[in-house]
Amino acid sequence: HEIVAYLKASDQISDVLRLVGAHQALLTFEDIRIHRDFHNSLTRLDNCEVSNEMKSMETGRKQVDLIEKLIAYKRLDHMEPRLQEIAHLRLKYPEHSLRELAQEYLLEHGESISKSGIKHRLDKLEDAANRIKE
């Protein structure tokens, strides 16, 4: 009769290979495990980046719609210049993330603004658009 041991956890498999002195098998196993973990980590990062990019694009599209509403109802021209600047920046770069908008703002206006500063101004524009009675 043969005894068969089933181990699922990779740490346990490594421990058994070490205990029985199968050093070459242990090195091969660990190498495979490292490559697999690295590949899985890259895949997770890619998925996260794609998800974040899609969220940024969707948010940008919604913001453009709201800004266009402000323009259609002739409200944007009566808002603070700093809100108008951000509105025009969003219209120019609808797919940019907040970080990218902040970089463009610096290039166009020579002043830096934080991501939260951009978000705050976009939120004010959104509030103004949502207050318009159609």
Protein backbone atom coordinates (compact mmCIF):
# COMPACT_ATOMS: atom_id res chain seq x y z
CA HIS A 1 0.00 0.00 0.00
CA GLU A 2 1.13 3.50 -0.86
CA ILE A 3 0.50 6.49 1.31
CA VAL A 4 -0.51 9.62 -0.55
CA ALA A 5 -0.44 13.01 1.10
CA TYR A 6 -2.34 15.86 -0.43
CA LEU A 7 -1.14 19.36 0.30
CA LYS A 8 -2.80 22.39 -1.19
CA ALA A 9 -1.04 25.29 0.53
CA SER A 10 2.19 26.15 -1.25
CA ASP A 11 3.94 26.87 2.06
CA GLN A 12 3.18 23.33 3.21
CA ILE A 13 4.50 21.88 -0.05
CA SER A 14 7.73 23.87 0.37
CA ASP A 15 8.07 22.61 3.96
CA VAL A 16 7.65 18.97 2.91
CA LEU A 17 10.16 19.30 0.06
CA ARG A 18 12.63 20.84 2.50
CA LEU A 19 12.02 18.10 5.11
CA VAL A 20 12.59 15.25 2.66
CA GLY A 21 15.75 16.88 1.30
CA ALA A 22 14.44 17.48 -2.21
CA HIS A 23 16.37 20.72 -2.57
CA GLN A 24 16.36 20.89 -6.37
CA ALA A 25 12.61 20.22 -6.45
CA LEU A 26 12.16 22.90 -3.77
CA LEU A 27 14.10 25.46 -5.82
CA THR A 28 12.12 24.61 -8.96
CA PHE A 29 8.83 24.78 -7.04
CA GLU A 30 9.71 28.13 -5.45
CA ASP A 31 10.80 29.54 -8.81
CA ILE A 32 7.45 28.58 -10.35
CA ARG A 33 5.62 30.01 -7.34
CA ILE A 34 7.50 33.33 -7.56
CA HIS A 35 6.78 33.65 -11.29
CA ARG A 36 3.09 32.82 -10.75
CA ASP A 37 2.77 35.33 -7.89
CA PHE A 38 4.53 37.99 -9.94
CA HIS A 39 2.24 37.37 -12.93
CA ASN A 40 -0.84 37.47 -10.69
CA SER A 41 0.33 40.75 -9.13
CA LEU A 42 0.84 42.30 -12.56
CA THR A 43 -2.60 41.13 -13.65
CA ARG A 44 -4.20 42.65 -10.54
CA LEU A 45 -2.38 45.95 -11.17
CA ASP A 46 -3.49 45.97 -14.81
CA ASN A 47 -7.08 45.27 -13.81
CA CYS A 48 -6.95 48.04 -11.23
CA GLU A 49 -5.47 50.53 -13.71
CA VAL A 50 -8.05 49.67 -16.36
CA SER A 51 -10.85 49.99 -13.83
CA ASN A 52 -9.56 53.35 -12.60
CA GLU A 53 -9.15 54.60 -16.16
CA MET A 54 -12.69 53.56 -17.05
CA LYS A 55 -14.04 55.30 -13.93
CA SER A 56 -12.10 58.47 -14.82
CA MET A 57 -13.47 58.41 -18.35
CA GLU A 58 -17.05 57.89 -17.17
CA THR A 59 -16.74 60.63 -14.56
CA GLY A 60 -15.20 62.96 -17.14
CA ARG A 61 -18.06 62.28 -19.55
CA LYS A 62 -20.65 63.09 -16.87
CA GLN A 63 -18.80 66.26 -15.92
CA VAL A 64 -18.69 67.36 -19.56
CA ASP A 65 -22.47 66.83 -19.80
CA LEU A 66 -23.02 68.99 -16.70
CA ILE A 67 -20.69 71.72 -17.94
CA GLU A 68 -22.47 71.73 -21.31
CA LYS A 69 -25.73 72.16 -19.40
CA LEU A 70 -24.26 75.20 -17.62
CA ILE A 71 -23.22 76.60 -21.00
CA ALA A 72 -26.62 75.90 -22.58
CA TYR A 73 -28.38 77.75 -19.76
CA LYS A 74 -25.79 80.56 -19.94
CA ARG A 75 -24.70 80.03 -16.34
CA LEU A 76 -21.00 79.29 -16.79
CA ASP A 77 -20.14 82.84 -17.93
CA HIS A 78 -21.48 84.21 -14.64
CA MET A 79 -19.45 81.90 -12.42
CA GLU A 80 -16.13 82.59 -10.71
CA PRO A 81 -13.15 82.63 -13.12
CA ARG A 82 -11.50 79.73 -11.25
CA LEU A 83 -14.59 77.58 -11.91
CA GLN A 84 -14.69 78.65 -15.55
CA GLU A 85 -11.02 77.68 -15.93
CA ILE A 86 -11.65 74.18 -14.62
CA ALA A 87 -14.80 73.83 -16.74
CA HIS A 88 -12.89 74.74 -19.91
CA LEU A 89 -10.05 72.42 -18.92
CA ARG A 90 -12.48 69.51 -18.44
CA LEU A 91 -14.11 70.24 -21.80
CA LYS A 92 -10.69 70.26 -23.44
CA TYR A 93 -9.55 67.05 -21.71
CA PRO A 94 -12.69 64.96 -21.00
CA GLU A 95 -10.78 61.71 -20.44
CA HIS A 96 -8.05 63.08 -18.16
CA SER A 97 -7.75 61.99 -14.55
CA LEU A 98 -7.66 64.62 -11.80
CA ARG A 99 -3.87 64.30 -11.69
CA GLU A 100 -3.62 64.89 -15.43
CA LEU A 101 -5.99 67.87 -15.20
CA ALA A 102 -3.80 69.33 -12.46
CA GLN A 103 -0.76 68.97 -14.74
CA GLU A 104 -2.58 70.66 -17.64
CA TYR A 105 -3.75 73.44 -15.31
CA LEU A 106 -0.15 74.12 -14.32
CA LEU A 107 0.94 74.23 -17.97
CA GLU A 108 -1.91 76.51 -19.04
CA HIS A 109 -2.13 78.84 -16.03
CA GLY A 110 1.33 78.68 -14.49
CA GLU A 111 -0.15 77.85 -11.09
CA SER A 112 -0.33 74.51 -9.39
CA ILE A 113 -3.54 73.06 -8.05
CA SER A 114 -4.05 69.83 -6.15
CA LYS A 115 -6.25 66.97 -7.27
CA SER A 116 -8.59 67.78 -4.39
CA GLY A 117 -8.67 71.42 -5.53
CA ILE A 118 -9.73 70.33 -9.01
CA LYS A 119 -12.30 67.93 -7.54
CA HIS A 120 -13.72 70.65 -5.29
CA ARG A 121 -14.20 72.99 -8.26
CA LEU A 122 -15.74 70.25 -10.40
CA ASP A 123 -18.11 69.45 -7.52
CA LYS A 124 -19.16 73.13 -7.39
CA LEU A 125 -19.84 73.06 -11.13
CA GLU A 126 -21.86 69.87 -10.70
CA ASP A 127 -23.91 71.41 -7.88
CA ALA A 128 -24.64 74.48 -10.00
CA ALA A 129 -25.72 72.33 -12.96
CA ASN A 130 -27.93 70.17 -10.76
CA ARG A 131 -29.70 73.27 -9.40
CA ILE A 132 -30.87 74.26 -12.89
CA LYS A 133 -34.59 73.60 -13.27
CA GLU A 134 -35.28 72.24 -16.72
